[in-house]
């Protein structure tokens, strides 16, 4: 069942839905649509302690809608798993499981008729996105990581074929070092963009706007083409 819950601009809508995976897991998701026919769909894989309701990712999704792209904001954990994870931290770094769920969502999009899929990952969700991109090399056309942990994708990194943009804040020094090291393991086209004066969450004035602009440009260049 789908329910329209919000709009973020003329002709833009967010619709709540559920994605049923082959293993019986049901994940909450929010479909975002631009005005007119979407040029492609960007699937958002959220990071540790976040969800499809993330204000930061919704801001990026709104920018993508304005550029004619659709979005799918996906919860990688069920409600029960999320409650458990907040106490134990058991699931947040299980990137193999999270990547498998992103693959399931990609297949769901393809079955619904989506011709071109991009992935946007934040924190540990970036590792899940890269693992999924490696698993679906023909379906995933582009990947963007925001303050991500691509290093957690490990031996999967050289298998990624999709052009990948890594965005890191200049003040997020440890994560920046991890991104630099991970990039060296990748053979796909990659770019590293450093947002000056930004920390891990890009909460500084204008930082998230820069992330949204960089992501939009990358997806228009690689996803739409």
C-alpha atoms as a PDB file:
ATOM      1  CA  UNK A   1       0.000   0.000   0.000  1.00  0.00           C
ATOM      2  CA  UNK A   2       1.323   3.419  -0.947  1.00  0.00           C
ATOM      3  CA  UNK A   3       0.465   6.702   0.778  1.00  0.00           C
ATOM      4  CA  UNK A   4       1.426  10.198  -0.327  1.00  0.00           C
ATOM      5  CA  UNK A   5       2.887  11.813   2.780  1.00  0.00           C
ATOM      6  CA  UNK A   6       4.538  15.032   1.629  1.00  0.00           C
ATOM      7  CA  UNK A   7       5.597  17.243  -1.233  1.00  0.00           C
ATOM      8  CA  UNK A   8       8.882  19.105  -1.605  1.00  0.00           C
ATOM      9  CA  UNK A   9       8.082  21.282  -4.580  1.00  0.00           C
ATOM     10  CA  UNK A  10       5.653  21.773  -7.479  1.00  0.00           C
ATOM     11  CA  UNK A  11       4.822  18.328  -8.820  1.00  0.00           C
ATOM     12  CA  UNK A  12       7.239  16.588  -6.419  1.00  0.00           C
ATOM     13  CA  UNK A  13       5.923  13.935  -4.026  1.00  0.00           C
ATOM     14  CA  UNK A  14       7.148  11.534  -1.344  1.00  0.00           C
ATOM     15  CA  UNK A  15       5.204   8.267  -1.163  1.00  0.00           C
ATOM     16  CA  UNK A  16       5.537   5.753   1.672  1.00  0.00           C
ATOM     17  CA  UNK A  17       5.746   2.120   0.586  1.00  0.00           C
ATOM     18  CA  UNK A  18       7.141  -1.271   1.630  1.00  0.00           C
ATOM     19  CA  UNK A  19       9.698  -3.363  -0.222  1.00  0.00           C
ATOM     20  CA  UNK A  20       9.296  -7.116   0.255  1.00  0.00           C
ATOM     21  CA  UNK A  21      12.595  -8.933  -0.259  1.00  0.00           C
ATOM     22  CA  UNK A  22      12.849 -12.572  -1.425  1.00  0.00           C
ATOM     23  CA  UNK A  23      13.993 -13.734   2.031  1.00  0.00           C
ATOM     24  CA  UNK A  24      10.760 -12.487   3.628  1.00  0.00           C
ATOM     25  CA  UNK A  25      12.175  -9.263   5.069  1.00  0.00           C
ATOM     26  CA  UNK A  26       9.978  -6.183   4.590  1.00  0.00           C
ATOM     27  CA  UNK A  27      11.724  -2.800   4.541  1.00  0.00           C
ATOM     28  CA  UNK A  28      10.158   0.627   4.858  1.00  0.00           C
ATOM     29  CA  UNK A  29      10.849   2.932   1.940  1.00  0.00           C
ATOM     30  CA  UNK A  30       9.908   6.348   0.589  1.00  0.00           C
ATOM     31  CA  UNK A  31       9.592   6.920  -3.144  1.00  0.00           C
ATOM     32  CA  UNK A  32      10.282  10.450  -4.297  1.00  0.00           C
ATOM     33  CA  UNK A  33       9.119  11.659  -7.682  1.00  0.00           C
ATOM     34  CA  UNK A  34       9.965  14.759  -9.710  1.00  0.00           C
ATOM     35  CA  UNK A  35       7.506  16.604 -11.882  1.00  0.00           C
ATOM     36  CA  UNK A  36       7.031  14.592 -15.082  1.00  0.00           C
ATOM     37  CA  UNK A  37       8.830  11.377 -15.977  1.00  0.00           C
ATOM     38  CA  UNK A  38      11.946  10.626 -13.918  1.00  0.00           C
ATOM     39  CA  UNK A  39      15.213  10.456 -15.859  1.00  0.00           C
ATOM     40  CA  UNK A  40      16.402   7.743 -13.462  1.00  0.00           C
ATOM     41  CA  UNK A  41      16.067   6.742  -9.811  1.00  0.00           C
ATOM     42  CA  UNK A  42      18.636   7.190  -7.029  1.00  0.00           C
ATOM     43  CA  UNK A  43      18.409   4.693  -4.174  1.00  0.00           C
ATOM     44  CA  UNK A  44      19.537   6.067  -0.791  1.00  0.00           C
ATOM     45  CA  UNK A  45      21.273   3.656   1.607  1.00  0.00           C
ATOM     46  CA  UNK A  46      21.298   5.269   5.035  1.00  0.00           C
ATOM     47  CA  UNK A  47      24.072   4.943   7.556  1.00  0.00           C
ATOM     48  CA  UNK A  48      24.430   4.123  11.216  1.00  0.00           C
ATOM     49  CA  UNK A  49      21.585   5.341  13.405  1.00  0.00           C
ATOM     50  CA  UNK A  50      19.724   6.960  10.504  1.00  0.00           C
ATOM     51  CA  UNK A  51      16.595   6.129   8.540  1.00  0.00           C
ATOM     52  CA  UNK A  52      14.661   7.033   5.418  1.00  0.00           C
ATOM     53  CA  UNK A  53      13.384  10.079   7.329  1.00  0.00           C
ATOM     54  CA  UNK A  54      16.889  11.587   7.517  1.00  0.00           C
ATOM     55  CA  UNK A  55      16.652  15.351   7.075  1.00  0.00           C
ATOM     56  CA  UNK A  56      20.025  15.454   5.336  1.00  0.00           C
ATOM     57  CA  UNK A  57      19.199  12.818   2.758  1.00  0.00           C
ATOM     58  CA  UNK A  58      15.770  14.332   2.147  1.00  0.00           C
ATOM     59  CA  UNK A  59      17.474  17.629   1.344  1.00  0.00           C
ATOM     60  CA  UNK A  60      19.686  15.889  -1.219  1.00  0.00           C
ATOM     61  CA  UNK A  61      16.645  14.020  -2.575  1.00  0.00           C
ATOM     62  CA  UNK A  62      14.821  17.325  -3.073  1.00  0.00           C
ATOM     63  CA  UNK A  63      17.727  18.653  -5.151  1.00  0.00           C
ATOM     64  CA  UNK A  64      17.637  15.501  -7.275  1.00  0.00           C
ATOM     65  CA  UNK A  65      13.885  15.901  -7.808  1.00  0.00           C
ATOM     66  CA  UNK A  66      14.443  19.430  -9.071  1.00  0.00           C
ATOM     67  CA  UNK A  67      16.902  17.984 -11.606  1.00  0.00           C
ATOM     68  CA  UNK A  68      14.330  15.475 -12.866  1.00  0.00           C
ATOM     69  CA  UNK A  69      15.532  12.410 -10.941  1.00  0.00           C
ATOM     70  CA  UNK A  70      13.434  10.095  -8.811  1.00  0.00           C
ATOM     71  CA  UNK A  71      14.564   8.782  -5.421  1.00  0.00           C
ATOM     72  CA  UNK A  72      14.044   5.758  -3.195  1.00  0.00           C
ATOM     73  CA  UNK A  73      14.954   6.353   0.453  1.00  0.00           C
ATOM     74  CA  UNK A  74      15.324   2.929   2.037  1.00  0.00           C
ATOM     75  CA  UNK A  75      15.501   1.654   5.619  1.00  0.00           C
ATOM     76  CA  UNK A  76      18.135  -1.080   5.636  1.00  0.00           C
ATOM     77  CA  UNK A  77      16.908  -2.465   8.968  1.00  0.00           C
ATOM     78  CA  UNK A  78      13.455  -3.570  10.067  1.00  0.00           C
ATOM     79  CA  UNK A  79      11.885  -1.826  13.042  1.00  0.00           C
ATOM     80  CA  UNK A  80      12.826  -4.678  15.381  1.00  0.00           C
ATOM     81  CA  UNK A  81      16.395  -4.783  14.084  1.00  0.00           C
ATOM     82  CA  UNK A  82      16.737  -1.021  14.460  1.00  0.00           C
ATOM     83  CA  UNK A  83      15.627  -1.154  18.112  1.00  0.00           C
ATOM     84  CA  UNK A  84      18.094  -3.964  18.806  1.00  0.00           C
ATOM     85  CA  UNK A  85      20.887  -2.176  16.973  1.00  0.00           C
ATOM     86  CA  UNK A  86      20.462   0.991  19.042  1.00  0.00           C
ATOM     87  CA  UNK A  87      21.310  -1.089  22.123  1.00  0.00           C
ATOM     88  CA  UNK A  88      23.823  -3.608  20.800  1.00  0.00           C
ATOM     89  CA  UNK A  89      25.198  -2.074  17.586  1.00  0.00           C
ATOM     90  CA  UNK A  90      24.912  -5.579  16.169  1.00  0.00           C
ATOM     91  CA  UNK A  91      23.586  -4.810  12.689  1.00  0.00           C
ATOM     92  CA  UNK A  92      25.057  -1.464  11.674  1.00  0.00           C
ATOM     93  CA  UNK A  93      28.417  -2.866  10.564  1.00  0.00           C
ATOM     94  CA  UNK A  94      27.036  -6.011   8.931  1.00  0.00           C
ATOM     95  CA  UNK A  95      27.682  -4.513   5.521  1.00  0.00           C
ATOM     96  CA  UNK A  96      27.323  -7.863   3.744  1.00  0.00           C
ATOM     97  CA  UNK A  97      23.711  -8.109   4.944  1.00  0.00           C
ATOM     98  CA  UNK A  98      23.042  -4.437   4.233  1.00  0.00           C
ATOM     99  CA  UNK A  99      24.523  -4.756   0.752  1.00  0.00           C
ATOM    100  CA  UNK A 100      22.317  -7.763   0.045  1.00  0.00           C
ATOM    101  CA  UNK A 101      19.277  -5.715   0.990  1.00  0.00           C
ATOM    102  CA  UNK A 102      20.303  -2.885  -1.317  1.00  0.00           C
ATOM    103  CA  UNK A 103      20.588  -5.477  -4.101  1.00  0.00           C
ATOM    104  CA  UNK A 104      17.048  -6.591  -3.300  1.00  0.00           C
ATOM    105  CA  UNK A 105      15.812  -3.011  -3.563  1.00  0.00           C
ATOM    106  CA  UNK A 106      17.633  -2.562  -6.895  1.00  0.00           C
ATOM    107  CA  UNK A 107      15.884  -5.669  -8.225  1.00  0.00           C
ATOM    108  CA  UNK A 108      12.568  -4.288  -6.946  1.00  0.00           C
ATOM    109  CA  UNK A 109      13.154  -1.043  -8.839  1.00  0.00           C
ATOM    110  CA  UNK A 110      14.082  -2.875 -12.013  1.00  0.00           C
ATOM    111  CA  UNK A 111      10.988  -5.069 -11.790  1.00  0.00           C
ATOM    112  CA  UNK A 112       8.883  -1.922 -11.437  1.00  0.00           C
ATOM    113  CA  UNK A 113      10.245  -0.629 -14.740  1.00  0.00           C
ATOM    114  CA  UNK A 114      13.087   1.648 -13.633  1.00  0.00           C
ATOM    115  CA  UNK A 115      15.590   1.802 -16.483  1.00  0.00           C
ATOM    116  CA  UNK A 116      18.487   3.574 -14.792  1.00  0.00           C
ATOM    117  CA  UNK A 117      19.532   3.207 -11.120  1.00  0.00           C
ATOM    118  CA  UNK A 118      22.042   5.179  -9.074  1.00  0.00           C
ATOM    119  CA  UNK A 119      23.090   4.679  -5.452  1.00  0.00           C
ATOM    120  CA  UNK A 120      23.672   7.295  -2.742  1.00  0.00           C
ATOM    121  CA  UNK A 121      25.231   5.943   0.451  1.00  0.00           C
ATOM    122  CA  UNK A 122      26.055   7.655   3.746  1.00  0.00           C
ATOM    123  CA  UNK A 123      28.356   6.340   6.496  1.00  0.00           C
ATOM    124  CA  UNK A 124      28.110   2.514   6.575  1.00  0.00           C
ATOM    125  CA  UNK A 125      25.388   2.745   3.925  1.00  0.00           C
ATOM    126  CA  UNK A 126      28.114   3.746   1.461  1.00  0.00           C
ATOM    127  CA  UNK A 127      29.789   0.355   1.916  1.00  0.00           C
ATOM    128  CA  UNK A 128      26.440  -1.356   1.383  1.00  0.00           C
ATOM    129  CA  UNK A 129      25.916   0.692  -1.788  1.00  0.00           C
ATOM    130  CA  UNK A 130      29.330  -0.262  -3.180  1.00  0.00           C
ATOM    131  CA  UNK A 131      28.787  -3.939  -2.396  1.00  0.00           C
ATOM    132  CA  UNK A 132      25.437  -3.748  -4.207  1.00  0.00           C
ATOM    133  CA  UNK A 133      27.004  -1.932  -7.152  1.00  0.00           C
ATOM    134  CA  UNK A 134      29.508  -4.749  -7.488  1.00  0.00           C
ATOM    135  CA  UNK A 135      26.684  -7.280  -7.324  1.00  0.00           C
ATOM    136  CA  UNK A 136      24.591  -5.505  -9.964  1.00  0.00           C
ATOM    137  CA  UNK A 137      27.193  -4.029 -12.359  1.00  0.00           C
ATOM    138  CA  UNK A 138      24.794  -3.682 -15.290  1.00  0.00           C
ATOM    139  CA  UNK A 139      21.940  -2.143 -13.314  1.00  0.00           C
ATOM    140  CA  UNK A 140      23.858   0.445 -11.240  1.00  0.00           C
ATOM    141  CA  UNK A 141      25.107   3.321 -13.380  1.00  0.00           C
ATOM    142  CA  UNK A 142      26.617   5.633 -10.724  1.00  0.00           C
ATOM    143  CA  UNK A 143      27.405   5.775  -6.981  1.00  0.00           C
ATOM    144  CA  UNK A 144      27.805   8.734  -4.609  1.00  0.00           C
ATOM    145  CA  UNK A 145      29.142   8.399  -1.055  1.00  0.00           C
ATOM    146  CA  UNK A 146      28.542  11.157   1.538  1.00  0.00           C
ATOM    147  CA  UNK A 147      30.827  10.940   4.548  1.00  0.00           C
ATOM    148  CA  UNK A 148      30.929   7.242   3.801  1.00  0.00           C
ATOM    149  CA  UNK A 149      32.928   4.229   4.895  1.00  0.00           C
ATOM    150  CA  UNK A 150      33.852   2.695   1.528  1.00  0.00           C
ATOM    151  CA  UNK A 151      36.731   0.927   3.265  1.00  0.00           C
ATOM    152  CA  UNK A 152      34.193  -1.442   4.842  1.00  0.00           C
ATOM    153  CA  UNK A 153      33.402  -2.820   1.388  1.00  0.00           C
ATOM    154  CA  UNK A 154      36.857  -4.428   1.507  1.00  0.00           C
ATOM    155  CA  UNK A 155      37.678  -6.832  -1.308  1.00  0.00           C
ATOM    156  CA  UNK A 156      34.521  -5.816  -3.161  1.00  0.00           C
ATOM    157  CA  UNK A 157      35.966  -2.403  -4.070  1.00  0.00           C
ATOM    158  CA  UNK A 158      37.929  -3.541  -7.170  1.00  0.00           C
ATOM    159  CA  UNK A 159      34.750  -5.209  -8.490  1.00  0.00           C
ATOM    160  CA  UNK A 160      32.742  -1.980  -8.625  1.00  0.00           C
ATOM    161  CA  UNK A 161      32.228  -0.869 -12.226  1.00  0.00           C
ATOM    162  CA  UNK A 162      30.005   2.175 -11.687  1.00  0.00           C
ATOM    163  CA  UNK A 163      31.588   5.651 -11.655  1.00  0.00           C
ATOM    164  CA  UNK A 164      31.880   6.593  -7.987  1.00  0.00           C
ATOM    165  CA  UNK A 165      32.004  10.005  -6.303  1.00  0.00           C
ATOM    166  CA  UNK A 166      33.352  10.180  -2.742  1.00  0.00           C
ATOM    167  CA  UNK A 167      32.333  13.318  -0.809  1.00  0.00           C
ATOM    168  CA  UNK A 168      34.025  13.994   2.536  1.00  0.00           C
ATOM    169  CA  UNK A 169      34.196  17.012   4.844  1.00  0.00           C
ATOM    170  CA  UNK A 170      37.672  18.484   5.334  1.00  0.00           C
ATOM    171  CA  UNK A 171      37.244  18.337   9.132  1.00  0.00           C
ATOM    172  CA  UNK A 172      36.303  14.645   9.038  1.00  0.00           C
ATOM    173  CA  UNK A 173      39.968  13.694   8.893  1.00  0.00           C
ATOM    174  CA  UNK A 174      39.807  10.011   9.869  1.00  0.00           C
ATOM    175  CA  UNK A 175      37.035   9.277   7.372  1.00  0.00           C
ATOM    176  CA  UNK A 176      38.907  11.287   4.741  1.00  0.00           C
ATOM    177  CA  UNK A 177      41.958   9.059   5.187  1.00  0.00           C
ATOM    178  CA  UNK A 178      39.734   5.980   4.859  1.00  0.00           C
ATOM    179  CA  UNK A 179      38.254   7.318   1.627  1.00  0.00           C
ATOM    180  CA  UNK A 180      41.675   8.076   0.168  1.00  0.00           C
ATOM    181  CA  UNK A 181      42.819   4.523   0.955  1.00  0.00           C
ATOM    182  CA  UNK A 182      39.637   2.945  -0.402  1.00  0.00           C
ATOM    183  CA  UNK A 183      39.853   4.938  -3.620  1.00  0.00           C
ATOM    184  CA  UNK A 184      43.269   3.446  -4.324  1.00  0.00           C
ATOM    185  CA  UNK A 185      41.681  -0.015  -4.383  1.00  0.00           C
ATOM    186  CA  UNK A 186      39.049   0.911  -6.957  1.00  0.00           C
ATOM    187  CA  UNK A 187      39.446   0.458 -10.705  1.00  0.00           C
ATOM    188  CA  UNK A 188      36.228   2.225 -11.725  1.00  0.00           C
ATOM    189  CA  UNK A 189      36.193   5.935 -12.492  1.00  0.00           C
ATOM    190  CA  UNK A 190      36.330   7.702  -9.125  1.00  0.00           C
ATOM    191  CA  UNK A 191      36.454  11.268  -7.880  1.00  0.00           C
ATOM    192  CA  UNK A 192      37.102  12.574  -4.370  1.00  0.00           C
ATOM    193  CA  UNK A 193      35.481  15.893  -3.468  1.00  0.00           C
ATOM    194  CA  UNK A 194      36.408  17.555  -0.171  1.00  0.00           C
ATOM    195  CA  UNK A 195      33.903  20.039   1.239  1.00  0.00           C
ATOM    196  CA  UNK A 196      35.998  22.660   3.013  1.00  0.00           C
ATOM    197  CA  UNK A 197      35.060  23.434   6.600  1.00  0.00           C
ATOM    198  CA  UNK A 198      32.592  20.556   6.848  1.00  0.00           C
ATOM    199  CA  UNK A 199      32.480  17.821   9.480  1.00  0.00           C
ATOM    200  CA  UNK A 200      31.122  14.299   9.278  1.00  0.00           C
ATOM    201  CA  UNK A 201      27.440  15.304   9.220  1.00  0.00           C
ATOM    202  CA  UNK A 202      27.839  18.351   6.934  1.00  0.00           C
ATOM    203  CA  UNK A 203      25.857  20.483   9.379  1.00  0.00           C
ATOM    204  CA  UNK A 204      27.842  23.656   8.688  1.00  0.00           C
ATOM    205  CA  UNK A 205      26.065  26.429   6.723  1.00  0.00           C
ATOM    206  CA  UNK A 206      26.051  25.622   3.016  1.00  0.00           C
ATOM    207  CA  UNK A 207      27.858  22.293   3.392  1.00  0.00           C
ATOM    208  CA  UNK A 208      24.879  20.102   2.564  1.00  0.00           C
ATOM    209  CA  UNK A 209      23.928  22.360  -0.333  1.00  0.00           C
ATOM    210  CA  UNK A 210      27.377  21.676  -1.782  1.00  0.00           C
ATOM    211  CA  UNK A 211      26.890  17.932  -1.286  1.00  0.00           C
ATOM    212  CA  UNK A 212      23.533  18.105  -3.070  1.00  0.00           C
ATOM    213  CA  UNK A 213      25.024  20.051  -5.983  1.00  0.00           C
ATOM    214  CA  UNK A 214      27.946  17.635  -6.348  1.00  0.00           C
ATOM    215  CA  UNK A 215      25.682  14.586  -6.202  1.00  0.00           C
ATOM    216  CA  UNK A 216      23.200  16.046  -8.679  1.00  0.00           C
ATOM    217  CA  UNK A 217      25.953  16.859 -11.167  1.00  0.00           C
ATOM    218  CA  UNK A 218      27.448  13.360 -10.847  1.00  0.00           C
ATOM    219  CA  UNK A 219      24.144  11.585 -11.372  1.00  0.00           C
ATOM    220  CA  UNK A 220      23.141  13.779 -14.314  1.00  0.00           C
ATOM    221  CA  UNK A 221      26.503  13.057 -15.909  1.00  0.00           C
ATOM    222  CA  UNK A 222      26.567   9.296 -15.395  1.00  0.00           C
ATOM    223  CA  UNK A 223      23.072   8.080 -14.546  1.00  0.00           C
ATOM    224  CA  UNK A 224      21.105   9.896 -17.218  1.00  0.00           C
ATOM    225  CA  UNK A 225      23.689   9.319 -19.939  1.00  0.00           C
END
